[in-house]
Amino acid sequence: MKNFFLIALLFSATSLIAQKTIASVSDTDELSMNVKKLNQTYAQNDFSLWNDLLADDATVRVNNSIVDKQTILSGFKGHHSIYNDIKIPEMIVETKYFKDGSIWTSEWFTWLGTGNKTGVRYSNVGNFNYQWKDGKIIYLVCIYDTAGMSMELGAN
């Protein structure tokens, strides 16, 4: 039994020493606040902040498709012709400042909208990840379920 505790203590100490800090994390920094504002302005059908923060040559990945800035902004704007009463009531946003100089903001959120054709109230969870350089989003990864949108677009 004594050997077990000695081995456990040695393993614990080695594990703690071996861990490295690779990033600092904040949820109250300017970039995290900007992502929260992006959600608010999206829900209000205002894309001026998106246009300002998303680099003109940004790469955007929506699930398994790669699109450019204009395509993603057109798609986001199009949501307002498919749905009404769009809201993002719940979100968790945090920015990671990596030791290699890269900066990523991750967000997990719940999106709500009512279909204009069906009147169905849709709820969808999503995860967006933003890579920043010089205060601009240079890479955006959007992960969310498109089933509700397909149902709404297919409705008569």
C-alpha atoms as a PDB file:
ATOM      1  CA  MET A   1       0.000   0.000   0.000  1.00  0.00           C
ATOM      2  CA  LYS A   2       2.876   2.303   0.842  1.00  0.00           C
ATOM      3  CA  ASN A   3       4.354   1.711  -2.617  1.00  0.00           C
ATOM      4  CA  PHE A   4       1.023   2.551  -4.250  1.00  0.00           C
ATOM      5  CA  PHE A   5       0.901   5.976  -2.588  1.00  0.00           C
ATOM      6  CA  LEU A   6       4.543   6.646  -3.433  1.00  0.00           C
ATOM      7  CA  ILE A   7       3.940   5.781  -7.098  1.00  0.00           C
ATOM      8  CA  ALA A   8       0.741   7.853  -7.166  1.00  0.00           C
ATOM      9  CA  LEU A   9       2.546  10.840  -5.641  1.00  0.00           C
ATOM     10  CA  LEU A  10       5.442  10.527  -8.083  1.00  0.00           C
ATOM     11  CA  PHE A  11       3.061  10.222 -11.057  1.00  0.00           C
ATOM     12  CA  SER A  12       1.011  13.254  -9.935  1.00  0.00           C
ATOM     13  CA  ALA A  13       4.089  15.425  -9.459  1.00  0.00           C
ATOM     14  CA  THR A  14       5.507  14.392 -12.837  1.00  0.00           C
ATOM     15  CA  SER A  15       2.185  15.109 -14.555  1.00  0.00           C
ATOM     16  CA  LEU A  16       1.960  18.596 -13.075  1.00  0.00           C
ATOM     17  CA  ILE A  17       5.517  19.477 -14.033  1.00  0.00           C
ATOM     18  CA  ALA A  18       5.105  18.102 -17.563  1.00  0.00           C
ATOM     19  CA  GLN A  19       2.072  20.258 -18.401  1.00  0.00           C
ATOM     20  CA  LYS A  20       2.775  23.364 -20.433  1.00  0.00           C
ATOM     21  CA  THR A  21       0.682  26.465 -20.810  1.00  0.00           C
ATOM     22  CA  ILE A  22       0.084  26.958 -24.504  1.00  0.00           C
ATOM     23  CA  ALA A  23      -2.447  29.789 -24.357  1.00  0.00           C
ATOM     24  CA  SER A  24      -4.089  32.333 -22.142  1.00  0.00           C
ATOM     25  CA  VAL A  25      -7.874  32.504 -22.277  1.00  0.00           C
ATOM     26  CA  SER A  26     -10.248  35.426 -21.791  1.00  0.00           C
ATOM     27  CA  ASP A  27     -13.971  35.924 -22.134  1.00  0.00           C
ATOM     28  CA  THR A  28     -13.942  39.668 -21.419  1.00  0.00           C
ATOM     29  CA  ASP A  29     -11.328  40.852 -23.919  1.00  0.00           C
ATOM     30  CA  GLU A  30     -12.080  43.048 -26.943  1.00  0.00           C
ATOM     31  CA  LEU A  31     -12.182  40.156 -29.427  1.00  0.00           C
ATOM     32  CA  SER A  32     -14.655  38.148 -27.321  1.00  0.00           C
ATOM     33  CA  MET A  33     -16.816  41.254 -26.972  1.00  0.00           C
ATOM     34  CA  ASN A  34     -16.653  41.788 -30.747  1.00  0.00           C
ATOM     35  CA  VAL A  35     -17.931  38.259 -31.364  1.00  0.00           C
ATOM     36  CA  LYS A  36     -20.824  38.894 -28.985  1.00  0.00           C
ATOM     37  CA  LYS A  37     -21.577  42.101 -30.926  1.00  0.00           C
ATOM     38  CA  LEU A  38     -21.430  40.144 -34.196  1.00  0.00           C
ATOM     39  CA  ASN A  39     -24.213  37.918 -32.838  1.00  0.00           C
ATOM     40  CA  GLN A  40     -26.291  40.899 -31.760  1.00  0.00           C
ATOM     41  CA  THR A  41     -25.929  42.736 -35.059  1.00  0.00           C
ATOM     42  CA  TYR A  42     -26.632  39.532 -37.034  1.00  0.00           C
ATOM     43  CA  ALA A  43     -29.918  39.108 -35.138  1.00  0.00           C
ATOM     44  CA  GLN A  44     -30.767  42.746 -35.957  1.00  0.00           C
ATOM     45  CA  ASN A  45     -30.030  42.170 -39.679  1.00  0.00           C
ATOM     46  CA  ASP A  46     -27.133  44.646 -39.519  1.00  0.00           C
ATOM     47  CA  PHE A  47     -23.951  43.409 -41.174  1.00  0.00           C
ATOM     48  CA  SER A  48     -21.783  46.533 -41.001  1.00  0.00           C
ATOM     49  CA  LEU A  49     -19.674  45.131 -38.132  1.00  0.00           C
ATOM     50  CA  TRP A  50     -19.344  41.815 -39.960  1.00  0.00           C
ATOM     51  CA  ASN A  51     -18.165  43.706 -43.021  1.00  0.00           C
ATOM     52  CA  ASP A  52     -15.625  45.650 -40.926  1.00  0.00           C
ATOM     53  CA  LEU A  53     -14.196  42.703 -38.949  1.00  0.00           C
ATOM     54  CA  LEU A  54     -14.179  39.951 -41.586  1.00  0.00           C
ATOM     55  CA  ALA A  55     -11.095  40.357 -43.778  1.00  0.00           C
ATOM     56  CA  ASP A  56     -11.834  40.725 -47.477  1.00  0.00           C
ATOM     57  CA  ASP A  57      -9.717  37.655 -48.229  1.00  0.00           C
ATOM     58  CA  ALA A  58     -10.951  35.615 -45.256  1.00  0.00           C
ATOM     59  CA  THR A  59     -11.449  31.898 -45.665  1.00  0.00           C
ATOM     60  CA  VAL A  60     -14.803  30.718 -44.331  1.00  0.00           C
ATOM     61  CA  ARG A  61     -15.703  27.092 -43.779  1.00  0.00           C
ATOM     62  CA  VAL A  62     -19.400  26.318 -43.287  1.00  0.00           C
ATOM     63  CA  ASN A  63     -19.625  22.683 -42.238  1.00  0.00           C
ATOM     64  CA  ASN A  64     -17.847  21.027 -45.185  1.00  0.00           C
ATOM     65  CA  SER A  65     -17.981  23.905 -47.681  1.00  0.00           C
ATOM     66  CA  ILE A  66     -15.451  26.677 -48.168  1.00  0.00           C
ATOM     67  CA  VAL A  67     -16.880  30.077 -49.133  1.00  0.00           C
ATOM     68  CA  ASP A  68     -15.649  33.649 -49.323  1.00  0.00           C
ATOM     69  CA  LYS A  69     -16.635  36.758 -47.388  1.00  0.00           C
ATOM     70  CA  GLN A  70     -19.386  37.897 -49.753  1.00  0.00           C
ATOM     71  CA  THR A  71     -20.968  34.444 -49.902  1.00  0.00           C
ATOM     72  CA  ILE A  72     -21.136  34.034 -46.126  1.00  0.00           C
ATOM     73  CA  LEU A  73     -22.503  37.544 -45.618  1.00  0.00           C
ATOM     74  CA  SER A  74     -25.125  36.962 -48.324  1.00  0.00           C
ATOM     75  CA  GLY A  75     -26.066  33.703 -46.618  1.00  0.00           C
ATOM     76  CA  PHE A  76     -26.369  35.331 -43.211  1.00  0.00           C
ATOM     77  CA  LYS A  77     -28.462  38.153 -44.700  1.00  0.00           C
ATOM     78  CA  GLY A  78     -30.626  35.551 -46.434  1.00  0.00           C
ATOM     79  CA  HIS A  79     -31.561  34.049 -43.090  1.00  0.00           C
ATOM     80  CA  HIS A  80     -33.700  37.133 -42.514  1.00  0.00           C
ATOM     81  CA  SER A  81     -35.792  36.385 -45.597  1.00  0.00           C
ATOM     82  CA  ILE A  82     -36.325  32.776 -44.461  1.00  0.00           C
ATOM     83  CA  TYR A  83     -36.914  33.428 -40.752  1.00  0.00           C
ATOM     84  CA  ASN A  84     -38.284  36.132 -38.512  1.00  0.00           C
ATOM     85  CA  ASP A  85     -37.753  36.863 -34.833  1.00  0.00           C
ATOM     86  CA  ILE A  86     -34.138  35.669 -35.010  1.00  0.00           C
ATOM     87  CA  LYS A  87     -32.420  35.616 -31.631  1.00  0.00           C
ATOM     88  CA  ILE A  88     -29.216  34.281 -30.120  1.00  0.00           C
ATOM     89  CA  PRO A  89     -30.213  34.150 -26.453  1.00  0.00           C
ATOM     90  CA  GLU A  90     -27.426  31.899 -25.184  1.00  0.00           C
ATOM     91  CA  MET A  91     -23.744  32.048 -26.019  1.00  0.00           C
ATOM     92  CA  ILE A  92     -20.404  31.200 -24.526  1.00  0.00           C
ATOM     93  CA  VAL A  93     -17.486  33.120 -26.046  1.00  0.00           C
ATOM     94  CA  GLU A  94     -13.794  32.860 -25.205  1.00  0.00           C
ATOM     95  CA  THR A  95     -10.607  33.964 -26.890  1.00  0.00           C
ATOM     96  CA  LYS A  96      -7.380  31.995 -26.735  1.00  0.00           C
ATOM     97  CA  TYR A  97      -4.085  33.844 -27.114  1.00  0.00           C
ATOM     98  CA  PHE A  98      -1.560  31.167 -28.054  1.00  0.00           C
ATOM     99  CA  LYS A  99       2.140  31.408 -27.299  1.00  0.00           C
ATOM    100  CA  ASP A 100       2.909  31.072 -31.023  1.00  0.00           C
ATOM    101  CA  GLY A 101       1.079  34.390 -31.594  1.00  0.00           C
ATOM    102  CA  SER A 102      -2.103  32.960 -33.095  1.00  0.00           C
ATOM    103  CA  ILE A 103      -5.422  34.143 -31.690  1.00  0.00           C
ATOM    104  CA  TRP A 104      -8.692  32.219 -31.863  1.00  0.00           C
ATOM    105  CA  THR A 105     -12.128  33.054 -30.497  1.00  0.00           C
ATOM    106  CA  SER A 106     -14.552  30.171 -30.021  1.00  0.00           C
ATOM    107  CA  GLU A 107     -18.256  30.485 -29.432  1.00  0.00           C
ATOM    108  CA  TRP A 108     -21.003  28.028 -28.652  1.00  0.00           C
ATOM    109  CA  PHE A 109     -24.514  29.371 -29.026  1.00  0.00           C
ATOM    110  CA  THR A 110     -28.200  28.677 -29.421  1.00  0.00           C
ATOM    111  CA  TRP A 111     -29.883  30.263 -32.431  1.00  0.00           C
ATOM    112  CA  LEU A 112     -33.675  30.749 -32.586  1.00  0.00           C
ATOM    113  CA  GLY A 113     -35.816  31.760 -35.540  1.00  0.00           C
ATOM    114  CA  THR A 114     -39.396  31.324 -36.749  1.00  0.00           C
ATOM    115  CA  GLY A 115     -39.856  30.060 -40.304  1.00  0.00           C
ATOM    116  CA  ASN A 116     -41.699  32.505 -42.555  1.00  0.00           C
ATOM    117  CA  LYS A 117     -43.345  29.699 -44.556  1.00  0.00           C
ATOM    118  CA  THR A 118     -44.116  27.169 -41.833  1.00  0.00           C
ATOM    119  CA  GLY A 119     -44.405  29.285 -38.704  1.00  0.00           C
ATOM    120  CA  VAL A 120     -42.267  26.664 -36.938  1.00  0.00           C
ATOM    121  CA  ARG A 121     -39.967  27.980 -34.213  1.00  0.00           C
ATOM    122  CA  TYR A 122     -36.538  26.501 -34.878  1.00  0.00           C
ATOM    123  CA  SER A 123     -33.755  26.110 -32.331  1.00  0.00           C
ATOM    124  CA  ASN A 124     -30.256  25.273 -33.437  1.00  0.00           C
ATOM    125  CA  VAL A 125     -26.983  25.029 -31.549  1.00  0.00           C
ATOM    126  CA  GLY A 126     -23.798  26.067 -33.271  1.00  0.00           C
ATOM    127  CA  ASN A 127     -20.077  26.475 -32.841  1.00  0.00           C
ATOM    128  CA  PHE A 128     -18.127  29.204 -34.640  1.00  0.00           C
ATOM    129  CA  ASN A 129     -14.357  29.612 -34.409  1.00  0.00           C
ATOM    130  CA  TYR A 130     -12.657  32.824 -35.523  1.00  0.00           C
ATOM    131  CA  GLN A 131      -8.936  33.201 -36.219  1.00  0.00           C
ATOM    132  CA  TRP A 132      -7.723  36.793 -35.861  1.00  0.00           C
ATOM    133  CA  LYS A 133      -4.808  38.698 -37.332  1.00  0.00           C
ATOM    134  CA  ASP A 134      -4.308  42.432 -36.882  1.00  0.00           C
ATOM    135  CA  GLY A 135      -7.843  42.817 -35.508  1.00  0.00           C
ATOM    136  CA  LYS A 136      -9.491  41.111 -38.506  1.00  0.00           C
ATOM    137  CA  ILE A 137     -11.071  37.675 -38.852  1.00  0.00           C
ATOM    138  CA  ILE A 138      -8.924  35.806 -41.371  1.00  0.00           C
ATOM    139  CA  TYR A 139     -10.426  32.346 -40.931  1.00  0.00           C
ATOM    140  CA  LEU A 140     -13.930  31.428 -39.773  1.00  0.00           C
ATOM    141  CA  VAL A 141     -15.229  27.926 -39.120  1.00  0.00           C
ATOM    142  CA  CYS A 142     -19.033  27.630 -38.766  1.00  0.00           C
ATOM    143  CA  ILE A 143     -20.521  24.358 -37.551  1.00  0.00           C
ATOM    144  CA  TYR A 144     -24.278  23.966 -37.261  1.00  0.00           C
ATOM    145  CA  ASP A 145     -27.114  21.710 -38.360  1.00  0.00           C
ATOM    146  CA  THR A 146     -28.777  22.732 -41.632  1.00  0.00           C
ATOM    147  CA  ALA A 147     -31.784  20.383 -41.344  1.00  0.00           C
ATOM    148  CA  GLY A 148     -34.164  23.123 -40.131  1.00  0.00           C
ATOM    149  CA  MET A 149     -33.138  25.413 -42.966  1.00  0.00           C
ATOM    150  CA  SER A 150     -33.673  22.607 -45.489  1.00  0.00           C
ATOM    151  CA  MET A 151     -37.125  21.941 -44.050  1.00  0.00           C
ATOM    152  CA  GLU A 152     -38.061  25.625 -44.187  1.00  0.00           C
ATOM    153  CA  LEU A 153     -36.752  26.115 -47.734  1.00  0.00           C
ATOM    154  CA  GLY A 154     -38.587  22.968 -48.900  1.00  0.00           C
ATOM    155  CA  ALA A 155     -41.933  24.012 -47.424  1.00  0.00           C
ATOM    156  CA  ASN A 156     -44.741  25.173 -49.703  1.00  0.00           C
END
